[in-house]
Amino acid sequence: MNTSFLGTGWSFPPAFNNAAGTVELTSDELDIQRSLQILLATKKGERVMQPDYGCNLDEMVFEPMTTTFKTYIREMIRTAIIYYEARINLNNVAVDDSRQTEGVIVIALDYTIRTTNSRFNFVYPYYMNEGTELS
C-alpha cells in the first residue's frame, strides 16, 4: 500500500490492471501534476458533487487575446488552484499566445509544493481547435 504524504490518486487518463484487478495509481509530485491537468481541463458543472470545480477554459476560445483577457485567464486559474489544489503555492501563471495563429495558447504554472518546499512547473497547452480540424 502506498503511504505517500503528498497523496495518491487514479492515474490520468484512468488505466486499469486487468490481471491484478486494480486501478493504476499516481503518487507524490506526479499526482499533483495530474490533478492540475484535470483541474484545467474540467468545465464547471461537469462534476456532479462539485459543480464549481474546474476552469471553463473552453469558453475562452473565441475571445480576443488582449492583455486584459490574459489577466482574466491567469486569475481564473489562480482562483481554481486556491480552492481545489491546497497542496501547492502558486508562484506564477504565464499565458503565452505566441502560437495563437496555430490555435495553441500555452499556460505555464510555476508552483511550490507546500510540504516539501520543492519548486516545479507545469505546462498546459490549450488547443483552440478540435483534433478533428487539424491538417
C-alpha atoms as a PDB file:
ATOM      1  CA  MET A   1       0.000   0.000   0.000  1.00  0.00           C
ATOM      2  CA  ASN A   2       1.313   3.433  -0.925  1.00  0.00           C
ATOM      3  CA  THR A   3       1.593   5.800   2.050  1.00  0.00           C
ATOM      4  CA  SER A   4       2.635   8.983   0.261  1.00  0.00           C
ATOM      5  CA  PHE A   5       2.102  12.112   2.339  1.00  0.00           C
ATOM      6  CA  LEU A   6       1.561  14.162  -0.867  1.00  0.00           C
ATOM      7  CA  GLY A   7      -1.320  11.967  -1.887  1.00  0.00           C
ATOM      8  CA  THR A   8      -2.166   9.121  -4.183  1.00  0.00           C
ATOM      9  CA  GLY A   9      -4.878   9.116  -6.807  1.00  0.00           C
ATOM     10  CA  TRP A  10      -6.035   7.466 -10.007  1.00  0.00           C
ATOM     11  CA  SER A  11      -3.754   7.881 -12.996  1.00  0.00           C
ATOM     12  CA  PHE A  12      -4.917  10.267 -15.690  1.00  0.00           C
ATOM     13  CA  PRO A  13      -6.267   9.155 -18.028  1.00  0.00           C
ATOM     14  CA  PRO A  14      -7.625   6.290 -15.914  1.00  0.00           C
ATOM     15  CA  ALA A  15      -5.909   2.959 -16.534  1.00  0.00           C
ATOM     16  CA  PHE A  16      -6.651  -0.469 -15.146  1.00  0.00           C
ATOM     17  CA  ASN A  17      -4.567  -3.572 -14.493  1.00  0.00           C
ATOM     18  CA  ASN A  18      -6.842  -6.409 -15.610  1.00  0.00           C
ATOM     19  CA  ALA A  19      -4.555  -9.161 -14.346  1.00  0.00           C
ATOM     20  CA  ALA A  20      -4.473  -7.782 -10.798  1.00  0.00           C
ATOM     21  CA  GLY A  21      -7.967  -6.283 -10.920  1.00  0.00           C
ATOM     22  CA  THR A  22      -6.687  -2.904  -9.745  1.00  0.00           C
ATOM     23  CA  VAL A  23      -6.637   0.717 -10.832  1.00  0.00           C
ATOM     24  CA  GLU A  24      -3.326   2.312 -11.845  1.00  0.00           C
ATOM     25  CA  LEU A  25      -2.359   4.981  -9.301  1.00  0.00           C
ATOM     26  CA  THR A  26      -0.050   8.005  -9.262  1.00  0.00           C
ATOM     27  CA  SER A  27       1.624   9.489  -6.207  1.00  0.00           C
ATOM     28  CA  ASP A  28       3.606  12.451  -4.967  1.00  0.00           C
ATOM     29  CA  GLU A  29       4.624  15.139  -7.492  1.00  0.00           C
ATOM     30  CA  LEU A  30       3.116  13.245 -10.439  1.00  0.00           C
ATOM     31  CA  ASP A  31      -0.237  13.107  -8.633  1.00  0.00           C
ATOM     32  CA  ILE A  32      -0.161  16.897  -8.207  1.00  0.00           C
ATOM     33  CA  GLN A  33       0.624  17.408 -11.906  1.00  0.00           C
ATOM     34  CA  ARG A  34      -2.246  15.107 -12.924  1.00  0.00           C
ATOM     35  CA  SER A  35      -4.525  16.980 -10.526  1.00  0.00           C
ATOM     36  CA  LEU A  36      -3.585  20.295 -12.171  1.00  0.00           C
ATOM     37  CA  GLN A  37      -4.183  18.810 -15.618  1.00  0.00           C
ATOM     38  CA  ILE A  38      -7.642  17.611 -14.579  1.00  0.00           C
ATOM     39  CA  LEU A  39      -8.469  20.962 -12.943  1.00  0.00           C
ATOM     40  CA  LEU A  40      -7.561  22.964 -16.062  1.00  0.00           C
ATOM     41  CA  ALA A  41      -9.344  20.565 -18.433  1.00  0.00           C
ATOM     42  CA  THR A  42     -12.601  20.386 -16.471  1.00  0.00           C
ATOM     43  CA  LYS A  43     -15.574  22.633 -17.198  1.00  0.00           C
ATOM     44  CA  LYS A  44     -17.511  23.964 -14.243  1.00  0.00           C
ATOM     45  CA  GLY A  45     -20.609  21.829 -13.720  1.00  0.00           C
ATOM     46  CA  GLU A  46     -19.081  18.607 -15.086  1.00  0.00           C
ATOM     47  CA  ARG A  47     -18.613  17.135 -11.626  1.00  0.00           C
ATOM     48  CA  VAL A  48     -21.971  16.424 -10.056  1.00  0.00           C
ATOM     49  CA  MET A  49     -20.834  16.607  -6.440  1.00  0.00           C
ATOM     50  CA  GLN A  50     -18.511  19.600  -7.030  1.00  0.00           C
ATOM     51  CA  PRO A  51     -20.274  21.873  -9.538  1.00  0.00           C
ATOM     52  CA  ASP A  52     -17.783  24.752  -9.053  1.00  0.00           C
ATOM     53  CA  TYR A  53     -14.730  22.558  -9.772  1.00  0.00           C
ATOM     54  CA  GLY A  54     -12.847  23.463 -12.971  1.00  0.00           C
ATOM     55  CA  CYS A  55     -11.722  26.450 -15.011  1.00  0.00           C
ATOM     56  CA  ASN A  56     -14.032  26.800 -18.042  1.00  0.00           C
ATOM     57  CA  LEU A  57     -11.122  27.465 -20.383  1.00  0.00           C
ATOM     58  CA  ASP A  58     -13.257  26.181 -23.256  1.00  0.00           C
ATOM     59  CA  GLU A  59     -15.426  29.311 -23.022  1.00  0.00           C
ATOM     60  CA  MET A  60     -12.391  31.429 -23.898  1.00  0.00           C
ATOM     61  CA  VAL A  61     -11.894  30.034 -27.405  1.00  0.00           C
ATOM     62  CA  PHE A  62     -13.316  32.941 -29.392  1.00  0.00           C
ATOM     63  CA  GLU A  63     -12.186  35.795 -27.167  1.00  0.00           C
ATOM     64  CA  PRO A  64      -9.546  38.244 -28.445  1.00  0.00           C
ATOM     65  CA  MET A  65      -6.186  37.710 -26.752  1.00  0.00           C
ATOM     66  CA  THR A  66      -5.741  41.118 -25.120  1.00  0.00           C
ATOM     67  CA  THR A  67      -3.760  41.955 -22.001  1.00  0.00           C
ATOM     68  CA  THR A  68      -6.999  42.229 -20.045  1.00  0.00           C
ATOM     69  CA  PHE A  69      -8.141  38.834 -21.234  1.00  0.00           C
ATOM     70  CA  LYS A  70      -4.803  37.168 -20.383  1.00  0.00           C
ATOM     71  CA  THR A  71      -5.075  38.656 -16.889  1.00  0.00           C
ATOM     72  CA  TYR A  72      -8.600  37.235 -16.617  1.00  0.00           C
ATOM     73  CA  ILE A  73      -7.343  33.749 -17.579  1.00  0.00           C
ATOM     74  CA  ARG A  74      -4.495  33.961 -15.047  1.00  0.00           C
ATOM     75  CA  GLU A  75      -6.864  34.961 -12.246  1.00  0.00           C
ATOM     76  CA  MET A  76      -9.393  32.282 -13.187  1.00  0.00           C
ATOM     77  CA  ILE A  77      -6.653  29.630 -12.964  1.00  0.00           C
ATOM     78  CA  ARG A  78      -5.218  31.110  -9.762  1.00  0.00           C
ATOM     79  CA  THR A  79      -8.654  31.057  -8.094  1.00  0.00           C
ATOM     80  CA  ALA A  80      -9.318  27.446  -9.136  1.00  0.00           C
ATOM     81  CA  ILE A  81      -5.946  26.340  -7.730  1.00  0.00           C
ATOM     82  CA  ILE A  82      -6.505  28.185  -4.445  1.00  0.00           C
ATOM     83  CA  TYR A  83      -9.825  26.383  -3.938  1.00  0.00           C
ATOM     84  CA  TYR A  84      -9.028  22.929  -5.334  1.00  0.00           C
ATOM     85  CA  GLU A  85      -5.280  22.244  -5.043  1.00  0.00           C
ATOM     86  CA  ALA A  86      -4.277  23.014  -1.472  1.00  0.00           C
ATOM     87  CA  ARG A  87      -1.008  21.064  -1.706  1.00  0.00           C
ATOM     88  CA  ILE A  88       0.759  23.835  -3.643  1.00  0.00           C
ATOM     89  CA  ASN A  89       1.516  27.546  -3.501  1.00  0.00           C
ATOM     90  CA  LEU A  90       1.169  29.072  -6.939  1.00  0.00           C
ATOM     91  CA  ASN A  91       4.125  31.343  -7.694  1.00  0.00           C
ATOM     92  CA  ASN A  92       3.287  32.422 -11.232  1.00  0.00           C
ATOM     93  CA  VAL A  93       0.866  31.829 -14.089  1.00  0.00           C
ATOM     94  CA  ALA A  94       2.151  32.750 -17.544  1.00  0.00           C
ATOM     95  CA  VAL A  95      -0.043  32.835 -20.643  1.00  0.00           C
ATOM     96  CA  ASP A  96       1.910  32.636 -23.903  1.00  0.00           C
ATOM     97  CA  ASP A  97      -0.103  33.448 -27.013  1.00  0.00           C
ATOM     98  CA  SER A  98       2.817  33.485 -29.482  1.00  0.00           C
ATOM     99  CA  ARG A  99       1.379  30.370 -31.189  1.00  0.00           C
ATOM    100  CA  GLN A 100      -2.179  31.688 -31.296  1.00  0.00           C
ATOM    101  CA  THR A 101      -2.253  31.649 -35.102  1.00  0.00           C
ATOM    102  CA  GLU A 102      -1.602  27.877 -34.879  1.00  0.00           C
ATOM    103  CA  GLY A 103      -4.510  27.533 -32.453  1.00  0.00           C
ATOM    104  CA  VAL A 104      -2.392  26.978 -29.332  1.00  0.00           C
ATOM    105  CA  ILE A 105      -2.128  29.006 -26.142  1.00  0.00           C
ATOM    106  CA  VAL A 106       0.488  27.761 -23.662  1.00  0.00           C
ATOM    107  CA  ILE A 107      -0.269  28.170 -19.963  1.00  0.00           C
ATOM    108  CA  ALA A 108       2.759  27.720 -17.692  1.00  0.00           C
ATOM    109  CA  LEU A 109       2.337  27.303 -13.945  1.00  0.00           C
ATOM    110  CA  ASP A 110       5.239  27.767 -11.546  1.00  0.00           C
ATOM    111  CA  TYR A 111       4.437  26.375  -8.107  1.00  0.00           C
ATOM    112  CA  THR A 112       5.941  25.227  -4.826  1.00  0.00           C
ATOM    113  CA  ILE A 113       4.778  22.096  -3.041  1.00  0.00           C
ATOM    114  CA  ARG A 114       3.966  23.216   0.498  1.00  0.00           C
ATOM    115  CA  THR A 115       5.099  20.154   2.439  1.00  0.00           C
ATOM    116  CA  THR A 116       8.453  19.672   0.696  1.00  0.00           C
ATOM    117  CA  ASN A 117       9.174  23.282  -0.366  1.00  0.00           C
ATOM    118  CA  SER A 118      10.131  21.931  -3.802  1.00  0.00           C
ATOM    119  CA  ARG A 119       9.552  24.077  -6.879  1.00  0.00           C
ATOM    120  CA  PHE A 120       8.012  22.638 -10.021  1.00  0.00           C
ATOM    121  CA  ASN A 121       6.421  23.882 -13.207  1.00  0.00           C
ATOM    122  CA  PHE A 122       3.556  22.573 -15.267  1.00  0.00           C
ATOM    123  CA  VAL A 123       2.911  23.498 -18.895  1.00  0.00           C
ATOM    124  CA  TYR A 124      -0.624  23.140 -20.175  1.00  0.00           C
ATOM    125  CA  PRO A 125      -1.045  23.602 -23.929  1.00  0.00           C
ATOM    126  CA  TYR A 126      -4.589  24.791 -24.586  1.00  0.00           C
ATOM    127  CA  TYR A 127      -5.673  23.882 -28.100  1.00  0.00           C
ATOM    128  CA  MET A 128      -8.229  26.259 -29.555  1.00  0.00           C
ATOM    129  CA  ASN A 129      -9.016  23.884 -32.467  1.00  0.00           C
ATOM    130  CA  GLU A 130     -10.515  20.447 -32.134  1.00  0.00           C
ATOM    131  CA  GLY A 131      -8.351  17.495 -33.103  1.00  0.00           C
ATOM    132  CA  THR A 132     -10.672  16.711 -35.995  1.00  0.00           C
ATOM    133  CA  GLU A 133      -9.893  20.078 -37.617  1.00  0.00           C
ATOM    134  CA  LEU A 134      -6.130  19.599 -37.754  1.00  0.00           C
ATOM    135  CA  SER A 135      -4.476  19.078 -41.112  1.00  0.00           C
END
